[in-house]
Amino acid sequence: IVEENALQVHIASLRKALGEDAALLETIRGV
């Protein structure tokens, strides 16, 4: 059982790793 912020932390690291392609990883707010 993990908190939502664990997922957010990994998504942020993915966006950083993707660099100029970070916009391809879209957040659908609340979903």
Full PDB file with SEQRES, HELIX, SHEET, SSBOND, CRYST1, ORIGX, SCALE, CONECT and MASTER records, all heavy atoms in Angstrom:
SEQRES   1 A   31  ILE VAL GLU GLU ASN ALA LEU GLN VAL HIS ILE ALA SER          
SEQRES   2 A   31  LEU ARG LYS ALA LEU GLY GLU ASP ALA ALA LEU LEU GLU          
SEQRES   3 A   31  THR ILE ARG GLY VAL                                          
HELIX    1 AA1 GLU A    4  LEU A   18  1                                  15    
HELIX    2 AA2 GLY A   19  LEU A   24  5                                   6    
CRYST1    1.000    1.000    1.000  90.00  90.00  90.00 P 1           1          
ORIGX1      1.000000  0.000000  0.000000        0.00000                         
ORIGX2      0.000000  1.000000  0.000000        0.00000                         
ORIGX3      0.000000  0.000000  1.000000        0.00000                         
SCALE1      1.000000  0.000000  0.000000        0.00000                         
SCALE2      0.000000  1.000000  0.000000        0.00000                         
SCALE3      0.000000  0.000000  1.000000        0.00000                         
ATOM      1  N   ILE A   1       0.873  -1.158   0.000  1.00  0.00           N  
ATOM      2  CA  ILE A   1       0.000   0.000   0.000  1.00  0.00           C  
ATOM      3  C   ILE A   1       0.918   1.218   0.000  1.00  0.00           C  
ATOM      4  O   ILE A   1       1.748   1.366   0.905  1.00  0.00           O  
ATOM      5  CB  ILE A   1      -0.916   0.013   1.236  1.00  0.00           C  
ATOM      6  CG1 ILE A   1      -1.848  -1.199   1.196  1.00  0.00           C  
ATOM      7  CG2 ILE A   1      -1.713   1.312   1.297  1.00  0.00           C  
ATOM      8  CD1 ILE A   1      -2.679  -1.385   2.441  1.00  0.00           C  
ATOM      9  N   VAL A   2       0.811   2.040  -1.042  1.00  0.00           N  
ATOM     10  CA  VAL A   2       1.667   3.224  -1.145  1.00  0.00           C  
ATOM     11  C   VAL A   2       0.799   4.458  -1.280  1.00  0.00           C  
ATOM     12  O   VAL A   2      -0.319   4.402  -1.793  1.00  0.00           O  
ATOM     13  CB  VAL A   2       2.654   3.135  -2.336  1.00  0.00           C  
ATOM     14  CG1 VAL A   2       3.634   2.002  -2.157  1.00  0.00           C  
ATOM     15  CG2 VAL A   2       1.929   2.994  -3.652  1.00  0.00           C  
ATOM     16  N   GLU A   3       1.335   5.556  -0.830  1.00  0.00           N  
ATOM     17  CA  GLU A   3       0.610   6.819  -0.940  1.00  0.00           C  
ATOM     18  C   GLU A   3       0.728   7.377  -2.352  1.00  0.00           C  
ATOM     19  O   GLU A   3       1.654   7.041  -3.087  1.00  0.00           O  
ATOM     20  CB  GLU A   3       1.172   7.812   0.069  1.00  0.00           C  
ATOM     21  CG  GLU A   3       0.915   7.380   1.498  1.00  0.00           C  
ATOM     22  CD  GLU A   3       1.349   8.426   2.501  1.00  0.00           C  
ATOM     23  OE1 GLU A   3       1.388   9.612   2.141  1.00  0.00           O  
ATOM     24  OE2 GLU A   3       1.622   8.027   3.641  1.00  0.00           O  
ATOM     25  N   GLU A   4      -0.200   8.242  -2.677  1.00  0.00           N  
ATOM     26  CA  GLU A   4      -0.239   8.835  -4.012  1.00  0.00           C  
ATOM     27  C   GLU A   4       1.054   9.586  -4.335  1.00  0.00           C  
ATOM     28  O   GLU A   4       1.496   9.596  -5.474  1.00  0.00           O  
ATOM     29  CB  GLU A   4      -1.437   9.773  -4.123  1.00  0.00           C  
ATOM     30  CG  GLU A   4      -1.653  10.289  -5.515  1.00  0.00           C  
ATOM     31  CD  GLU A   4      -2.946  11.053  -5.655  1.00  0.00           C  
ATOM     32  OE1 GLU A   4      -3.925  10.709  -4.995  1.00  0.00           O  
ATOM     33  OE2 GLU A   4      -2.940  12.016  -6.440  1.00  0.00           O  
ATOM     34  N   ASN A   5       1.665  10.189  -3.333  1.00  0.00           N  
ATOM     35  CA  ASN A   5       2.875  10.966  -3.622  1.00  0.00           C  
ATOM     36  C   ASN A   5       4.031  10.086  -4.101  1.00  0.00           C  
ATOM     37  O   ASN A   5       4.924  10.571  -4.791  1.00  0.00           O  
ATOM     38  CB  ASN A   5       3.278  11.836  -2.439  1.00  0.00           C  
ATOM     39  CG  ASN A   5       3.803  11.043  -1.266  1.00  0.00           C  
ATOM     40  OD1 ASN A   5       3.520   9.857  -1.113  1.00  0.00           O  
ATOM     41  ND2 ASN A   5       4.557  11.712  -0.410  1.00  0.00           N  
ATOM     42  N   ALA A   6       4.037   8.797  -3.783  1.00  0.00           N  
ATOM     43  CA  ALA A   6       5.076   7.897  -4.293  1.00  0.00           C  
ATOM     44  C   ALA A   6       4.997   7.834  -5.812  1.00  0.00           C  
ATOM     45  O   ALA A   6       6.027   7.903  -6.505  1.00  0.00           O  
ATOM     46  CB  ALA A   6       4.942   6.508  -3.689  1.00  0.00           C  
ATOM     47  N   LEU A   7       3.803   7.734  -6.341  1.00  0.00           N  
ATOM     48  CA  LEU A   7       3.606   7.719  -7.784  1.00  0.00           C  
ATOM     49  C   LEU A   7       4.018   9.060  -8.386  1.00  0.00           C  
ATOM     50  O   LEU A   7       4.713   9.102  -9.408  1.00  0.00           O  
ATOM     51  CB  LEU A   7       2.145   7.401  -8.108  1.00  0.00           C  
ATOM     52  CG  LEU A   7       1.762   7.299  -9.573  1.00  0.00           C  
ATOM     53  CD1 LEU A   7       2.611   6.267 -10.297  1.00  0.00           C  
ATOM     54  CD2 LEU A   7       0.280   6.973  -9.695  1.00  0.00           C  
ATOM     55  N   GLN A   8       3.642  10.150  -7.738  1.00  0.00           N  
ATOM     56  CA  GLN A   8       3.995  11.486  -8.238  1.00  0.00           C  
ATOM     57  C   GLN A   8       5.507  11.679  -8.296  1.00  0.00           C  
ATOM     58  O   GLN A   8       6.019  12.285  -9.248  1.00  0.00           O  
ATOM     59  CB  GLN A   8       3.359  12.558  -7.361  1.00  0.00           C  
ATOM     60  CG  GLN A   8       1.854  12.608  -7.477  1.00  0.00           C  
ATOM     61  CD  GLN A   8       1.211  13.500  -6.433  1.00  0.00           C  
ATOM     62  OE1 GLN A   8       1.828  13.878  -5.447  1.00  0.00           O  
ATOM     63  NE2 GLN A   8      -0.053  13.831  -6.642  1.00  0.00           N  
ATOM     64  N   VAL A   9       6.224  11.179  -7.319  1.00  0.00           N  
ATOM     65  CA  VAL A   9       7.686  11.299  -7.294  1.00  0.00           C  
ATOM     66  C   VAL A   9       8.298  10.570  -8.490  1.00  0.00           C  
ATOM     67  O   VAL A   9       9.180  11.097  -9.169  1.00  0.00           O  
ATOM     68  CB  VAL A   9       8.258  10.752  -5.964  1.00  0.00           C  
ATOM     69  CG1 VAL A   9       9.760  10.542  -6.038  1.00  0.00           C  
ATOM     70  CG2 VAL A   9       7.897  11.683  -4.820  1.00  0.00           C  
ATOM     71  N   HIS A  10       7.795   9.384  -8.785  1.00  0.00           N  
ATOM     72  CA  HIS A  10       8.336   8.617  -9.913  1.00  0.00           C  
ATOM     73  C   HIS A  10       7.949   9.233 -11.251  1.00  0.00           C  
ATOM     74  O   HIS A  10       8.754   9.224 -12.193  1.00  0.00           O  
ATOM     75  CB  HIS A  10       7.899   7.160  -9.819  1.00  0.00           C  
ATOM     76  CG  HIS A  10       8.568   6.427  -8.703  1.00  0.00           C  
ATOM     77  ND1 HIS A  10       9.899   6.092  -8.724  1.00  0.00           N  
ATOM     78  CD2 HIS A  10       8.099   5.994  -7.518  1.00  0.00           C  
ATOM     79  CE1 HIS A  10      10.218   5.478  -7.611  1.00  0.00           C  
ATOM     80  NE2 HIS A  10       9.137   5.405  -6.852  1.00  0.00           N  
ATOM     81  N   ILE A  11       6.759   9.782 -11.347  1.00  0.00           N  
ATOM     82  CA  ILE A  11       6.356  10.473 -12.574  1.00  0.00           C  
ATOM     83  C   ILE A  11       7.262  11.688 -12.804  1.00  0.00           C  
ATOM     84  O   ILE A  11       7.711  11.943 -13.929  1.00  0.00           O  
ATOM     85  CB  ILE A  11       4.868  10.893 -12.525  1.00  0.00           C  
ATOM     86  CG1 ILE A  11       3.949   9.664 -12.551  1.00  0.00           C  
ATOM     87  CG2 ILE A  11       4.526  11.877 -13.636  1.00  0.00           C  
ATOM     88  CD1 ILE A  11       3.904   8.909 -13.870  1.00  0.00           C  
ATOM     89  N   ALA A  12       7.568  12.422 -11.745  1.00  0.00           N  
ATOM     90  CA  ALA A  12       8.472  13.579 -11.866  1.00  0.00           C  
ATOM     91  C   ALA A  12       9.851  13.138 -12.329  1.00  0.00           C  
ATOM     92  O   ALA A  12      10.455  13.796 -13.193  1.00  0.00           O  
ATOM     93  CB  ALA A  12       8.558  14.317 -10.529  1.00  0.00           C  
ATOM     94  N   SER A  13      10.344  12.030 -11.813  1.00  0.00           N  
ATOM     95  CA  SER A  13      11.672  11.550 -12.247  1.00  0.00           C  
ATOM     96  C   SER A  13      11.630  11.075 -13.693  1.00  0.00           C  
ATOM     97  O   SER A  13      12.596  11.263 -14.438  1.00  0.00           O  
ATOM     98  CB  SER A  13      12.206  10.459 -11.318  1.00  0.00           C  
ATOM     99  OG  SER A  13      11.506   9.251 -11.499  1.00  0.00           O  
ATOM    100  N   LEU A  14      10.513  10.485 -14.104  1.00  0.00           N  
ATOM    101  CA  LEU A  14      10.364  10.091 -15.504  1.00  0.00           C  
ATOM    102  C   LEU A  14      10.374  11.305 -16.428  1.00  0.00           C  
ATOM    103  O   LEU A  14      11.037  11.293 -17.467  1.00  0.00           O  
ATOM    104  CB  LEU A  14       9.049   9.329 -15.712  1.00  0.00           C  
ATOM    105  CG  LEU A  14       9.072   7.849 -15.438  1.00  0.00           C  
ATOM    106  CD1 LEU A  14       7.664   7.282 -15.440  1.00  0.00           C  
ATOM    107  CD2 LEU A  14       9.940   7.135 -16.450  1.00  0.00           C  
ATOM    108  N   ARG A  15       9.656  12.335 -16.044  1.00  0.00           N  
ATOM    109  CA  ARG A  15       9.636  13.552 -16.874  1.00  0.00           C  
ATOM    110  C   ARG A  15      11.033  14.148 -17.003  1.00  0.00           C  
ATOM    111  O   ARG A  15      11.433  14.588 -18.068  1.00  0.00           O  
ATOM    112  CB  ARG A  15       8.662  14.568 -16.302  1.00  0.00           C  
ATOM    113  CG  ARG A  15       7.228  14.191 -16.558  1.00  0.00           C  
ATOM    114  CD  ARG A  15       6.285  15.360 -16.337  1.00  0.00           C  
ATOM    115  NE  ARG A  15       4.956  14.990 -16.771  1.00  0.00           N  
ATOM    116  CZ  ARG A  15       3.937  14.781 -15.953  1.00  0.00           C  
ATOM    117  NH1 ARG A  15       4.083  14.953 -14.653  1.00  0.00           N  
ATOM    118  NH2 ARG A  15       2.755  14.431 -16.433  1.00  0.00           N  
ATOM    119  N   LYS A  16      11.766  14.151 -15.922  1.00  0.00           N  
ATOM    120  CA  LYS A  16      13.136  14.671 -15.958  1.00  0.00           C  
ATOM    121  C   LYS A  16      13.991  13.820 -16.892  1.00  0.00           C  
ATOM    122  O   LYS A  16      14.751  14.337 -17.702  1.00  0.00           O  
ATOM    123  CB  LYS A  16      13.719  14.683 -14.548  1.00  0.00           C  
ATOM    124  CG  LYS A  16      15.076  15.300 -14.470  1.00  0.00           C  
ATOM    125  CD  LYS A  16      15.557  15.395 -13.043  1.00  0.00           C  
ATOM    126  CE  LYS A  16      16.936  16.024 -13.007  1.00  0.00           C  
ATOM    127  NZ  LYS A  16      17.455  16.116 -11.638  1.00  0.00           N  
ATOM    128  N   ALA A  17      13.848  12.503 -16.799  1.00  0.00           N  
ATOM    129  CA  ALA A  17      14.631  11.600 -17.645  1.00  0.00           C  
ATOM    130  C   ALA A  17      14.246  11.724 -19.122  1.00  0.00           C  
ATOM    131  O   ALA A  17      15.097  11.570 -19.998  1.00  0.00           O  
ATOM    132  CB  ALA A  17      14.441  10.156 -17.176  1.00  0.00           C  
ATOM    133  N   LEU A  18      12.971  12.017 -19.400  1.00  0.00           N  
ATOM    134  CA  LEU A  18      12.514  12.139 -20.783  1.00  0.00           C  
ATOM    135  C   LEU A  18      12.947  13.446 -21.439  1.00  0.00           C  
ATOM    136  O   LEU A  18      12.926  13.556 -22.662  1.00  0.00           O  
ATOM    137  CB  LEU A  18      10.993  12.007 -20.845  1.00  0.00           C  
ATOM    138  CG  LEU A  18      10.440  10.620 -20.531  1.00  0.00           C  
ATOM    139  CD1 LEU A  18       8.913  10.668 -20.466  1.00  0.00           C  
ATOM    140  CD2 LEU A  18      10.913   9.594 -21.535  1.00  0.00           C  
ATOM    141  N   GLY A  19      13.312  14.434 -20.657  1.00  0.00           N  
ATOM    142  CA  GLY A  19      13.797  15.702 -21.211  1.00  0.00           C  
ATOM    143  C   GLY A  19      12.785  16.337 -22.142  1.00  0.00           C  
ATOM    144  O   GLY A  19      11.652  16.602 -21.751  1.00  0.00           O  
ATOM    145  N   GLU A  20      13.188  16.567 -23.410  1.00  0.00           N  
ATOM    146  CA  GLU A  20      12.309  17.243 -24.359  1.00  0.00           C  
ATOM    147  C   GLU A  20      11.057  16.431 -24.698  1.00  0.00           C  
ATOM    148  O   GLU A  20      10.104  16.966 -25.255  1.00  0.00           O  
ATOM    149  CB  GLU A  20      13.054  17.615 -25.647  1.00  0.00           C  
ATOM    150  CG  GLU A  20      13.373  16.448 -26.552  1.00  0.00           C  
ATOM    151  CD  GLU A  20      14.716  15.783 -26.302  1.00  0.00           C  
ATOM    152  OE1 GLU A  20      15.416  16.147 -25.346  1.00  0.00           O  
ATOM    153  OE2 GLU A  20      15.068  14.881 -27.085  1.00  0.00           O  
ATOM    154  N   ASP A  21      11.043  15.145 -24.372  1.00  0.00           N  
ATOM    155  CA  ASP A  21       9.860  14.318 -24.607  1.00  0.00           C  
ATOM    156  C   ASP A  21       8.933  14.253 -23.395  1.00  0.00           C  
ATOM    157  O   ASP A  21       7.942  13.524 -23.410  1.00  0.00           O  
ATOM    158  CB  ASP A  21      10.280  12.892 -24.998  1.00  0.00           C  
ATOM    159  CG  ASP A  21      10.941  12.828 -26.361  1.00  0.00           C  
ATOM    160  OD1 ASP A  21      10.626  13.694 -27.212  1.00  0.00           O  
ATOM    161  OD2 ASP A  21      11.765  11.930 -26.581  1.00  0.00           O  
ATOM    162  N   ALA A  22       9.220  15.012 -22.361  1.00  0.00           N  
ATOM    163  CA  ALA A  22       8.426  14.965 -21.125  1.00  0.00           C  
ATOM    164  C   ALA A  22       6.961  15.304 -21.376  1.00  0.00           C  
ATOM    165  O   ALA A  22       6.077  14.778 -20.687  1.00  0.00           O  
ATOM    166  CB  ALA A  22       9.018  15.912 -20.082  1.00  0.00           C  
ATOM    167  N   ALA A  23       6.676  16.129 -22.362  1.00  0.00           N  
ATOM    168  CA  ALA A  23       5.289  16.514 -22.643  1.00  0.00           C  
ATOM    169  C   ALA A  23       4.448  15.339 -23.137  1.00  0.00           C  
ATOM    170  O   ALA A  23       3.220  15.400 -23.110  1.00  0.00           O  
ATOM    171  CB  ALA A  23       5.256  17.640 -23.674  1.00  0.00           C  
ATOM    172  N   LEU A  24       5.101  14.262 -23.571  1.00  0.00           N  
ATOM    173  CA  LEU A  24       4.364  13.078 -24.015  1.00  0.00           C  
ATOM    174  C   LEU A  24       3.752  12.317 -22.839  1.00  0.00           C  
ATOM    175  O   LEU A  24       2.858  11.498 -23.031  1.00  0.00           O  
ATOM    176  CB  LEU A  24       5.282  12.140 -24.807  1.00  0.00           C  
ATOM    177  CG  LEU A  24       5.863  12.716 -26.092  1.00  0.00           C  
ATOM    178  CD1 LEU A  24       6.824  11.729 -26.727  1.00  0.00           C  
ATOM    179  CD2 LEU A  24       4.753  13.101 -27.058  1.00  0.00           C  
ATOM    180  N   LEU A  25       4.232  12.583 -21.642  1.00  0.00           N  
ATOM    181  CA  LEU A  25       3.698  11.973 -20.426  1.00  0.00           C  
ATOM    182  C   LEU A  25       2.743  12.983 -19.798  1.00  0.00           C  
ATOM    183  O   LEU A  25       3.143  13.919 -19.132  1.00  0.00           O  
ATOM    184  CB  LEU A  25       4.836  11.619 -19.470  1.00  0.00           C  
ATOM    185  CG  LEU A  25       4.465  10.988 -18.136  1.00  0.00           C  
ATOM    186  CD1 LEU A  25       3.544   9.794 -18.316  1.00  0.00           C  
ATOM    187  CD2 LEU A  25       5.725  10.586 -17.403  1.00  0.00           C  
ATOM    188  N   GLU A  26       1.466  12.794 -20.076  1.00  0.00           N  
ATOM    189  CA  GLU A  26       0.459  13.786 -19.691  1.00  0.00           C  
ATOM    190  C   GLU A  26      -0.259  13.378 -18.409  1.00  0.00           C  
ATOM    191  O   GLU A  26      -0.641  12.220 -18.236  1.00  0.00           O  
ATOM    192  CB  GLU A  26      -0.564  13.951 -20.812  1.00  0.00           C  
ATOM    193  CG  GLU A  26      -1.576  15.020 -20.552  1.00  0.00           C  
ATOM    194  CD  GLU A  26      -2.527  15.229 -21.724  1.00  0.00           C  
ATOM    195  OE1 GLU A  26      -2.277  14.707 -22.814  1.00  0.00           O  
ATOM    196  OE2 GLU A  26      -3.532  15.924 -21.520  1.00  0.00           O  
ATOM    197  N   THR A  27      -0.436  14.355 -17.529  1.00  0.00           N  
ATOM    198  CA  THR A  27      -1.238  14.156 -16.325  1.00  0.00           C  
ATOM    199  C   THR A  27      -2.685  14.471 -16.649  1.00  0.00           C  
ATOM    200  O   THR A  27      -2.981  15.532 -17.192  1.00  0.00           O  
ATOM    201  CB  THR A  27      -0.769  15.093 -15.187  1.00  0.00           C  
ATOM    202  OG1 THR A  27       0.593  14.803 -14.884  1.00  0.00           O  
ATOM    203  CG2 THR A  27      -1.621  14.916 -13.944  1.00  0.00           C  
ATOM    204  N   ILE A  28      -3.559  13.545 -16.324  1.00  0.00           N  
ATOM    205  CA  ILE A  28      -4.992  13.775 -16.452  1.00  0.00           C  
ATOM    206  C   ILE A  28      -5.470  14.032 -15.028  1.00  0.00           C  
ATOM    207  O   ILE A  28      -5.643  13.091 -14.241  1.00  0.00           O  
ATOM    208  CB  ILE A  28      -5.718  12.563 -17.086  1.00  0.00           C  
ATOM    209  CG1 ILE A  28      -5.024  12.117 -18.377  1.00  0.00           C  
ATOM    210  CG2 ILE A  28      -7.184  12.888 -17.300  1.00  0.00           C  
ATOM    211  CD1 ILE A  28      -4.877  13.172 -19.451  1.00  0.00           C  
ATOM    212  N   ARG A  29      -5.592  15.287 -14.703  1.00  0.00           N  
ATOM    213  CA  ARG A  29      -5.840  15.725 -13.322  1.00  0.00           C  
ATOM    214  C   ARG A  29      -6.985  14.967 -12.659  1.00  0.00           C  
ATOM    215  O   ARG A  29      -8.071  14.862 -13.195  1.00  0.00           O  
ATOM    216  CB  ARG A  29      -6.126  17.221 -13.317  1.00  0.00           C  
ATOM    217  CG  ARG A  29      -5.785  17.869 -11.994  1.00  0.00           C  
ATOM    218  CD  ARG A  29      -5.906  19.362 -12.023  1.00  0.00           C  
ATOM    219  NE  ARG A  29      -4.799  20.149 -12.507  1.00  0.00           N  
ATOM    220  CZ  ARG A  29      -3.596  20.243 -11.958  1.00  0.00           C  
ATOM    221  NH1 ARG A  29      -3.303  19.514 -10.925  1.00  0.00           N  
ATOM    222  NH2 ARG A  29      -2.687  21.045 -12.453  1.00  0.00           N  
ATOM    223  N   GLY A  30      -6.674  14.419 -11.491  1.00  0.00           N  
ATOM    224  CA  GLY A  30      -7.661  13.703 -10.701  1.00  0.00           C  
ATOM    225  C   GLY A  30      -7.951  12.291 -11.168  1.00  0.00           C  
ATOM    226  O   GLY A  30      -8.723  11.577 -10.539  1.00  0.00           O  
ATOM    227  N   VAL A  31      -7.338  11.884 -12.290  1.00  0.00           N  
ATOM    228  CA  VAL A  31      -7.635  10.560 -12.847  1.00  0.00           C  
ATOM    229  C   VAL A  31      -6.391   9.690 -12.933  1.00  0.00           C  
ATOM    230  O   VAL A  31      -6.322   8.614 -12.346  1.00  0.00           O  
ATOM    231  CB  VAL A  31      -8.286  10.680 -14.249  1.00  0.00           C  
ATOM    232  CG1 VAL A  31      -8.579   9.311 -14.825  1.00  0.00           C  
ATOM    233  CG2 VAL A  31      -9.549  11.520 -14.185  1.00  0.00           C  
TER     234      VAL A  31                                                      
MASTER        0    0    0    2    0    0    0    6  233    1    0    3          
END                                                                             
